[in-house]
Each structure stands twice: as C-alpha cells, then as structure tokens.
C-alpha cells in the first residue's frame, strides 16, 4: 500500500485528488493540508511514501518545502502537482529533490501512475517537463567531471539516470544495496550534486545516459 499526503491550498482541488486516490486499491491518503507548514508537519508525522505538493502555497512555497525536506534527508518522495511549467520553477524543484513533476491539466489517471512510479524510487515527468529537462541537458557543455569516476561508479550513475532505485541497481550489478548507496554518495561528492536528478542531468549531458521512452509496464516514467 502506497501512503500519500496531499498538499494544495484549494479545497476543491484537494477533494478531487482525494476522490481519485481513494478509488485506487493500492493507495491510501494518510493526511492532507493547505500550506507549506502542513506539508512539513504531516510529512514528519506520517512519513508517507509520497508527498503530492503544489508550488504556490500561502506560507512556504513548494520550492522551500522541497529544500527543507531534502536538507532533512526525508525518505518521502516529492511529487509536484501544479499548473506551473516555467523553467526556473521546474529546475529549482528538481534540483531540490523532487522526484516527479505532473501538470494539473493532465488526465486524472496520470496522477495515480506518477504516484506509483515515484513511490518505487523512479522519476516521473510530464512530457512538457521532460522536454525542458532534456533541452537544458543537451544545451549545456558536457563537463569533464565524469573523468573522476571509476568504471563501477559510471555504471551506477548510468543506471541511476535510467530511473532505477538503489535496490534495482544492486540487483543489476550483483552487489549489495549498501554498496550502491556508498557509490551514490561518492558520485554526488565527485559531481558536486545533491540529488539523483542533478546526477542524472550530468549523465545525460555527458552522453552516459539518455531519456528512456515510455514503458507500458511502469506507466510513463521519464
């Protein structure tokens, strides 16, 4: 069962999301709120698998909430659900640790798929957001930072950029999850990044990985 906390300052929007999620047998809503303070409090209280978070909130914005949760090393996956698709907002949220970004004008079942994907440790981006991420990645010069990575660290980074979580990477490379966690920490340090999204962008810029096409078995992770 995937546990979810909903944060949106519009009661009607929250009610609509709640109705969609309540109809899913594998998802349960453990809390909902209307502010950034609610998001932080409910995440601490319930430790949900996924925090569905709007960007514009009456006190702390979604970006600040994501930054604070990232700084706390919260295990909750942040899924942004918003109407905002401007570049600075998108990249700021992804750099702050958001694992998914869904636009509110998408079909309701998209939210269900996105929640399941990010709860599984993968990344979900709406097509318009994925396009921005790829354009930003390919439009920047490839850094030489990958020169500092060992062959095994490159393998881990490539699989990370494909959306695999640590457990899946461990199975693919026939090592322990703890070993992968150690590799990921070293990769972050060498690349000077603080999130899986930033590390994945480095991999894409350097040609080590590409954005995967939609996968019918996993929804539409990007």
C-alpha atoms as a PDB file:
ATOM      1  CA  UNK A   1       0.000   0.000   0.000  1.00  0.00           C
ATOM      2  CA  UNK A   2       1.421   3.385  -1.058  1.00  0.00           C
ATOM      3  CA  UNK A   3       0.814   6.091   1.553  1.00  0.00           C
ATOM      4  CA  UNK A   4       0.281   9.667   0.383  1.00  0.00           C
ATOM      5  CA  UNK A   5      -0.015  13.158   1.879  1.00  0.00           C
ATOM      6  CA  UNK A   6      -1.793  15.784  -0.252  1.00  0.00           C
ATOM      7  CA  UNK A   7      -0.902  19.484  -0.055  1.00  0.00           C
ATOM      8  CA  UNK A   8      -2.842  22.081  -2.049  1.00  0.00           C
ATOM      9  CA  UNK A   9      -4.359  25.345  -0.880  1.00  0.00           C
ATOM     10  CA  UNK A  10      -7.542  24.868  -2.932  1.00  0.00           C
ATOM     11  CA  UNK A  11     -10.068  22.649  -1.099  1.00  0.00           C
ATOM     12  CA  UNK A  12     -11.886  21.730  -4.314  1.00  0.00           C
ATOM     13  CA  UNK A  13      -8.626  20.557  -5.921  1.00  0.00           C
ATOM     14  CA  UNK A  14      -7.753  18.505  -2.841  1.00  0.00           C
ATOM     15  CA  UNK A  15     -11.203  16.952  -2.787  1.00  0.00           C
ATOM     16  CA  UNK A  16     -10.849  15.962  -6.432  1.00  0.00           C
ATOM     17  CA  UNK A  17      -7.445  14.397  -5.864  1.00  0.00           C
ATOM     18  CA  UNK A  18      -8.690  12.628  -2.748  1.00  0.00           C
ATOM     19  CA  UNK A  19     -11.576  11.091  -4.679  1.00  0.00           C
ATOM     20  CA  UNK A  20      -9.206   9.801  -7.373  1.00  0.00           C
ATOM     21  CA  UNK A  21      -6.783   8.302  -4.858  1.00  0.00           C
ATOM     22  CA  UNK A  22      -9.488   6.802  -2.620  1.00  0.00           C
ATOM     23  CA  UNK A  23     -10.724   4.823  -5.627  1.00  0.00           C
ATOM     24  CA  UNK A  24      -7.318   3.131  -6.014  1.00  0.00           C
ATOM     25  CA  UNK A  25      -6.940  -0.083  -4.040  1.00  0.00           C
ATOM     26  CA  UNK A  26      -3.165   0.251  -3.625  1.00  0.00           C
ATOM     27  CA  UNK A  27      -3.027   3.890  -2.469  1.00  0.00           C
ATOM     28  CA  UNK A  28      -4.157   5.417   0.815  1.00  0.00           C
ATOM     29  CA  UNK A  29      -4.197   9.091   1.816  1.00  0.00           C
ATOM     30  CA  UNK A  30      -2.836   9.500   5.347  1.00  0.00           C
ATOM     31  CA  UNK A  31      -3.107  13.276   5.554  1.00  0.00           C
ATOM     32  CA  UNK A  32      -3.889  16.470   3.667  1.00  0.00           C
ATOM     33  CA  UNK A  33      -3.216  20.148   4.174  1.00  0.00           C
ATOM     34  CA  UNK A  34      -3.227  23.578   2.576  1.00  0.00           C
ATOM     35  CA  UNK A  35       0.151  25.106   3.450  1.00  0.00           C
ATOM     36  CA  UNK A  36       3.882  24.534   3.442  1.00  0.00           C
ATOM     37  CA  UNK A  37       3.804  24.232   7.222  1.00  0.00           C
ATOM     38  CA  UNK A  38       1.201  21.478   6.846  1.00  0.00           C
ATOM     39  CA  UNK A  39       3.458  19.706   4.362  1.00  0.00           C
ATOM     40  CA  UNK A  40       6.414  19.664   6.747  1.00  0.00           C
ATOM     41  CA  UNK A  41       4.302  18.700   9.770  1.00  0.00           C
ATOM     42  CA  UNK A  42       2.376  15.921   8.056  1.00  0.00           C
ATOM     43  CA  UNK A  43       5.496  14.501   6.433  1.00  0.00           C
ATOM     44  CA  UNK A  44       7.189  14.331   9.829  1.00  0.00           C
ATOM     45  CA  UNK A  45       4.067  12.863  11.424  1.00  0.00           C
ATOM     46  CA  UNK A  46       3.129  10.223   8.839  1.00  0.00           C
ATOM     47  CA  UNK A  47       6.397   9.593   6.901  1.00  0.00           C
ATOM     48  CA  UNK A  48       4.355   8.939   3.736  1.00  0.00           C
ATOM     49  CA  UNK A  49       5.789   7.217   0.699  1.00  0.00           C
ATOM     50  CA  UNK A  50       4.787  10.193  -1.452  1.00  0.00           C
ATOM     51  CA  UNK A  51       4.097  13.868  -0.783  1.00  0.00           C
ATOM     52  CA  UNK A  52       1.906  15.366  -3.525  1.00  0.00           C
ATOM     53  CA  UNK A  53       2.839  19.037  -3.367  1.00  0.00           C
ATOM     54  CA  UNK A  54       1.559  22.187  -5.054  1.00  0.00           C
ATOM     55  CA  UNK A  55       4.012  25.016  -5.783  1.00  0.00           C
ATOM     56  CA  UNK A  56       2.039  28.091  -4.724  1.00  0.00           C
ATOM     57  CA  UNK A  57       1.152  27.895  -1.039  1.00  0.00           C
ATOM     58  CA  UNK A  58       0.126  30.681   1.359  1.00  0.00           C
ATOM     59  CA  UNK A  59       3.220  30.489   3.569  1.00  0.00           C
ATOM     60  CA  UNK A  60       6.202  28.390   2.478  1.00  0.00           C
ATOM     61  CA  UNK A  61       6.181  27.731  -1.250  1.00  0.00           C
ATOM     62  CA  UNK A  62       6.648  24.257  -2.680  1.00  0.00           C
ATOM     63  CA  UNK A  63      10.280  25.006  -3.526  1.00  0.00           C
ATOM     64  CA  UNK A  64      11.137  25.872   0.074  1.00  0.00           C
ATOM     65  CA  UNK A  65       9.270  22.807   1.345  1.00  0.00           C
ATOM     66  CA  UNK A  66      11.266  20.596  -1.042  1.00  0.00           C
ATOM     67  CA  UNK A  67      14.519  22.220   0.058  1.00  0.00           C
ATOM     68  CA  UNK A  68      13.777  21.709   3.738  1.00  0.00           C
ATOM     69  CA  UNK A  69      12.753  18.083   3.290  1.00  0.00           C
ATOM     70  CA  UNK A  70      15.827  17.449   1.166  1.00  0.00           C
ATOM     71  CA  UNK A  71      18.034  19.010   3.842  1.00  0.00           C
ATOM     72  CA  UNK A  72      16.408  16.722   6.433  1.00  0.00           C
ATOM     73  CA  UNK A  73      17.121  13.728   4.171  1.00  0.00           C
ATOM     74  CA  UNK A  74      13.460  12.783   4.334  1.00  0.00           C
ATOM     75  CA  UNK A  75      12.699   9.431   2.714  1.00  0.00           C
ATOM     76  CA  UNK A  76       9.367  10.676   1.324  1.00  0.00           C
ATOM     77  CA  UNK A  77       9.283  11.054  -2.459  1.00  0.00           C
ATOM     78  CA  UNK A  78       8.120  14.525  -3.510  1.00  0.00           C
ATOM     79  CA  UNK A  79       5.706  14.643  -6.437  1.00  0.00           C
ATOM     80  CA  UNK A  80       4.982  18.154  -7.689  1.00  0.00           C
ATOM     81  CA  UNK A  81       1.436  18.635  -8.983  1.00  0.00           C
ATOM     82  CA  UNK A  82       0.991  22.151 -10.345  1.00  0.00           C
ATOM     83  CA  UNK A  83      -0.054  24.292 -13.286  1.00  0.00           C
ATOM     84  CA  UNK A  84       3.361  25.978 -13.404  1.00  0.00           C
ATOM     85  CA  UNK A  85       5.781  24.797 -16.082  1.00  0.00           C
ATOM     86  CA  UNK A  86       8.262  27.681 -16.264  1.00  0.00           C
ATOM     87  CA  UNK A  87      11.903  26.663 -16.487  1.00  0.00           C
ATOM     88  CA  UNK A  88      13.280  28.191 -13.261  1.00  0.00           C
ATOM     89  CA  UNK A  89      10.472  26.660 -11.183  1.00  0.00           C
ATOM     90  CA  UNK A  90      10.889  23.245 -12.786  1.00  0.00           C
ATOM     91  CA  UNK A  91      14.667  23.089 -12.460  1.00  0.00           C
ATOM     92  CA  UNK A  92      14.634  24.575  -8.957  1.00  0.00           C
ATOM     93  CA  UNK A  93      12.218  21.927  -7.702  1.00  0.00           C
ATOM     94  CA  UNK A  94      14.035  19.046  -9.385  1.00  0.00           C
ATOM     95  CA  UNK A  95      17.371  20.272  -8.054  1.00  0.00           C
ATOM     96  CA  UNK A  96      15.804  20.426  -4.590  1.00  0.00           C
ATOM     97  CA  UNK A  97      14.996  16.735  -4.664  1.00  0.00           C
ATOM     98  CA  UNK A  98      11.534  16.488  -6.239  1.00  0.00           C
ATOM     99  CA  UNK A  99      11.229  13.046  -7.846  1.00  0.00           C
ATOM    100  CA  UNK A 100       8.276  13.790 -10.092  1.00  0.00           C
ATOM    101  CA  UNK A 101       6.540  16.714 -11.788  1.00  0.00           C
ATOM    102  CA  UNK A 102       2.955  16.434 -13.048  1.00  0.00           C
ATOM    103  CA  UNK A 103       0.924  19.221 -14.619  1.00  0.00           C
ATOM    104  CA  UNK A 104      -2.633  19.684 -13.397  1.00  0.00           C
ATOM    105  CA  UNK A 105      -4.126  19.684 -16.892  1.00  0.00           C
ATOM    106  CA  UNK A 106      -3.218  16.022 -17.431  1.00  0.00           C
ATOM    107  CA  UNK A 107      -5.694  13.150 -17.168  1.00  0.00           C
ATOM    108  CA  UNK A 108      -6.614  12.102 -13.596  1.00  0.00           C
ATOM    109  CA  UNK A 109      -5.160   8.616 -14.047  1.00  0.00           C
ATOM    110  CA  UNK A 110      -1.785  10.252 -14.686  1.00  0.00           C
ATOM    111  CA  UNK A 111      -1.610  11.191 -11.014  1.00  0.00           C
ATOM    112  CA  UNK A 112      -2.110   7.572  -9.985  1.00  0.00           C
ATOM    113  CA  UNK A 113       0.632   6.357 -12.309  1.00  0.00           C
ATOM    114  CA  UNK A 114       3.019   9.092 -11.203  1.00  0.00           C
ATOM    115  CA  UNK A 115       2.484   8.286  -7.512  1.00  0.00           C
ATOM    116  CA  UNK A 116       3.188   4.600  -8.076  1.00  0.00           C
ATOM    117  CA  UNK A 117       6.328   5.340 -10.091  1.00  0.00           C
ATOM    118  CA  UNK A 118       7.922   7.796  -7.655  1.00  0.00           C
ATOM    119  CA  UNK A 119       6.980   5.571  -4.707  1.00  0.00           C
ATOM    120  CA  UNK A 120       9.039   2.867  -6.424  1.00  0.00           C
ATOM    121  CA  UNK A 121      12.117   5.083  -6.498  1.00  0.00           C
ATOM    122  CA  UNK A 122      11.834   6.160 -10.130  1.00  0.00           C
ATOM    123  CA  UNK A 123      11.233   9.540 -11.758  1.00  0.00           C
ATOM    124  CA  UNK A 124       8.069  10.736 -13.477  1.00  0.00           C
ATOM    125  CA  UNK A 125       7.982  13.878 -15.616  1.00  0.00           C
ATOM    126  CA  UNK A 126       5.089  15.172 -17.676  1.00  0.00           C
ATOM    127  CA  UNK A 127       6.063  15.287 -21.364  1.00  0.00           C
ATOM    128  CA  UNK A 128       6.338  19.086 -21.385  1.00  0.00           C
ATOM    129  CA  UNK A 129       8.576  18.983 -18.315  1.00  0.00           C
ATOM    130  CA  UNK A 130      10.704  16.146 -19.690  1.00  0.00           C
ATOM    131  CA  UNK A 131      11.272  18.218 -22.834  1.00  0.00           C
ATOM    132  CA  UNK A 132      12.555  21.133 -20.773  1.00  0.00           C
ATOM    133  CA  UNK A 133      14.888  18.894 -18.805  1.00  0.00           C
ATOM    134  CA  UNK A 134      16.345  17.310 -21.935  1.00  0.00           C
ATOM    135  CA  UNK A 135      16.747  20.662 -23.696  1.00  0.00           C
ATOM    136  CA  UNK A 136      18.583  22.042 -20.701  1.00  0.00           C
ATOM    137  CA  UNK A 137      20.789  18.982 -20.510  1.00  0.00           C
ATOM    138  CA  UNK A 138      21.793  18.824 -24.171  1.00  0.00           C
ATOM    139  CA  UNK A 139      22.130  22.594 -24.430  1.00  0.00           C
ATOM    140  CA  UNK A 140      24.956  22.773 -21.902  1.00  0.00           C
ATOM    141  CA  UNK A 141      28.575  21.774 -22.465  1.00  0.00           C
ATOM    142  CA  UNK A 142      29.468  18.338 -21.159  1.00  0.00           C
ATOM    143  CA  UNK A 143      31.570  18.669 -18.015  1.00  0.00           C
ATOM    144  CA  UNK A 144      34.732  16.663 -17.523  1.00  0.00           C
ATOM    145  CA  UNK A 145      33.589  15.616 -14.056  1.00  0.00           C
ATOM    146  CA  UNK A 146      32.926  12.060 -15.192  1.00  0.00           C
ATOM    147  CA  UNK A 147      36.664  11.660 -15.683  1.00  0.00           C
ATOM    148  CA  UNK A 148      36.944  11.355 -11.898  1.00  0.00           C
ATOM    149  CA  UNK A 149      34.505   8.430 -11.722  1.00  0.00           C
ATOM    150  CA  UNK A 150      35.653   4.828 -11.624  1.00  0.00           C
ATOM    151  CA  UNK A 151      34.156   2.378 -14.164  1.00  0.00           C
ATOM    152  CA  UNK A 152      31.850   0.968 -11.491  1.00  0.00           C
ATOM    153  CA  UNK A 153      30.723   4.458 -10.434  1.00  0.00           C
ATOM    154  CA  UNK A 154      29.918   5.181 -14.096  1.00  0.00           C
ATOM    155  CA  UNK A 155      27.820   2.008 -14.211  1.00  0.00           C
ATOM    156  CA  UNK A 156      25.916   3.110 -11.107  1.00  0.00           C
ATOM    157  CA  UNK A 157      25.394   6.626 -12.490  1.00  0.00           C
ATOM    158  CA  UNK A 158      24.154   5.296 -15.838  1.00  0.00           C
ATOM    159  CA  UNK A 159      21.573   3.072 -14.154  1.00  0.00           C
ATOM    160  CA  UNK A 160      20.579   5.849 -11.735  1.00  0.00           C
ATOM    161  CA  UNK A 161      19.956   8.140 -14.709  1.00  0.00           C
ATOM    162  CA  UNK A 162      17.711   5.467 -16.235  1.00  0.00           C
ATOM    163  CA  UNK A 163      15.426   5.774 -13.205  1.00  0.00           C
ATOM    164  CA  UNK A 164      16.482   2.694 -11.231  1.00  0.00           C
ATOM    165  CA  UNK A 165      16.483   2.904  -7.447  1.00  0.00           C
ATOM    166  CA  UNK A 166      19.376   1.607  -5.338  1.00  0.00           C
ATOM    167  CA  UNK A 167      17.877  -1.846  -4.859  1.00  0.00           C
ATOM    168  CA  UNK A 168      17.342  -2.301  -8.605  1.00  0.00           C
ATOM    169  CA  UNK A 169      20.874  -1.100  -9.354  1.00  0.00           C
ATOM    170  CA  UNK A 170      22.238  -3.577  -6.808  1.00  0.00           C
ATOM    171  CA  UNK A 171      20.397  -6.434  -8.500  1.00  0.00           C
ATOM    172  CA  UNK A 172      21.627  -5.367 -11.927  1.00  0.00           C
ATOM    173  CA  UNK A 173      25.265  -5.140 -10.807  1.00  0.00           C
ATOM    174  CA  UNK A 174      25.154  -8.159  -8.442  1.00  0.00           C
ATOM    175  CA  UNK A 175      26.227  -6.139  -5.409  1.00  0.00           C
ATOM    176  CA  UNK A 176      24.562  -5.163  -2.134  1.00  0.00           C
ATOM    177  CA  UNK A 177      22.264  -2.169  -1.747  1.00  0.00           C
ATOM    178  CA  UNK A 178      24.697  -0.755   0.813  1.00  0.00           C
ATOM    179  CA  UNK A 179      27.464  -0.884  -1.789  1.00  0.00           C
ATOM    180  CA  UNK A 180      25.288   1.048  -4.234  1.00  0.00           C
ATOM    181  CA  UNK A 181      24.441   3.620  -1.540  1.00  0.00           C
ATOM    182  CA  UNK A 182      28.158   4.132  -0.953  1.00  0.00           C
ATOM    183  CA  UNK A 183      28.797   4.538  -4.685  1.00  0.00           C
ATOM    184  CA  UNK A 184      25.947   7.070  -4.984  1.00  0.00           C
ATOM    185  CA  UNK A 185      27.373   9.131  -2.098  1.00  0.00           C
ATOM    186  CA  UNK A 186      30.790   9.193  -3.742  1.00  0.00           C
ATOM    187  CA  UNK A 187      29.249  10.104  -7.111  1.00  0.00           C
ATOM    188  CA  UNK A 188      27.381  13.027  -5.530  1.00  0.00           C
ATOM    189  CA  UNK A 189      30.619  14.252  -3.980  1.00  0.00           C
ATOM    190  CA  UNK A 190      32.652  13.966  -7.173  1.00  0.00           C
ATOM    191  CA  UNK A 191      29.993  15.610  -9.341  1.00  0.00           C
ATOM    192  CA  UNK A 192      29.197  18.305  -6.782  1.00  0.00           C
ATOM    193  CA  UNK A 193      25.467  17.497  -6.837  1.00  0.00           C
ATOM    194  CA  UNK A 194      22.914  16.920  -4.095  1.00  0.00           C
ATOM    195  CA  UNK A 195      20.146  14.879  -5.743  1.00  0.00           C
ATOM    196  CA  UNK A 196      19.519  11.991  -8.125  1.00  0.00           C
ATOM    197  CA  UNK A 197      18.009  14.405 -10.647  1.00  0.00           C
ATOM    198  CA  UNK A 198      21.135  16.548 -10.756  1.00  0.00           C
ATOM    199  CA  UNK A 199      23.327  13.468 -11.106  1.00  0.00           C
ATOM    200  CA  UNK A 200      21.109  12.184 -13.916  1.00  0.00           C
ATOM    201  CA  UNK A 201      21.380  15.523 -15.738  1.00  0.00           C
ATOM    202  CA  UNK A 202      25.179  15.244 -15.610  1.00  0.00           C
ATOM    203  CA  UNK A 203      24.958  11.745 -17.068  1.00  0.00           C
ATOM    204  CA  UNK A 204      22.700  12.964 -19.897  1.00  0.00           C
ATOM    205  CA  UNK A 205      24.910  15.952 -20.707  1.00  0.00           C
ATOM    206  CA  UNK A 206      27.945  13.707 -20.934  1.00  0.00           C
ATOM    207  CA  UNK A 207      26.229  11.133 -23.116  1.00  0.00           C
ATOM    208  CA  UNK A 208      26.411   8.436 -20.458  1.00  0.00           C
ATOM    209  CA  UNK A 209      22.627   8.032 -20.425  1.00  0.00           C
ATOM    210  CA  UNK A 210      19.594   9.011 -22.450  1.00  0.00           C
ATOM    211  CA  UNK A 211      15.989   9.699 -21.539  1.00  0.00           C
ATOM    212  CA  UNK A 212      14.083   6.420 -21.728  1.00  0.00           C
ATOM    213  CA  UNK A 213      10.966   6.132 -23.896  1.00  0.00           C
ATOM    214  CA  UNK A 214       7.638   5.388 -22.197  1.00  0.00           C
ATOM    215  CA  UNK A 215       7.432   1.953 -20.621  1.00  0.00           C
ATOM    216  CA  UNK A 216       3.995   0.355 -20.546  1.00  0.00           C
ATOM    217  CA  UNK A 217       4.960  -1.717 -17.504  1.00  0.00           C
ATOM    218  CA  UNK A 218       5.819   1.310 -15.387  1.00  0.00           C
ATOM    219  CA  UNK A 219       3.416   3.984 -16.575  1.00  0.00           C
ATOM    220  CA  UNK A 220       5.329   6.768 -18.333  1.00  0.00           C
ATOM    221  CA  UNK A 221       8.469   7.424 -16.280  1.00  0.00           C
ATOM    222  CA  UNK A 222      10.977   9.743 -17.901  1.00  0.00           C
END
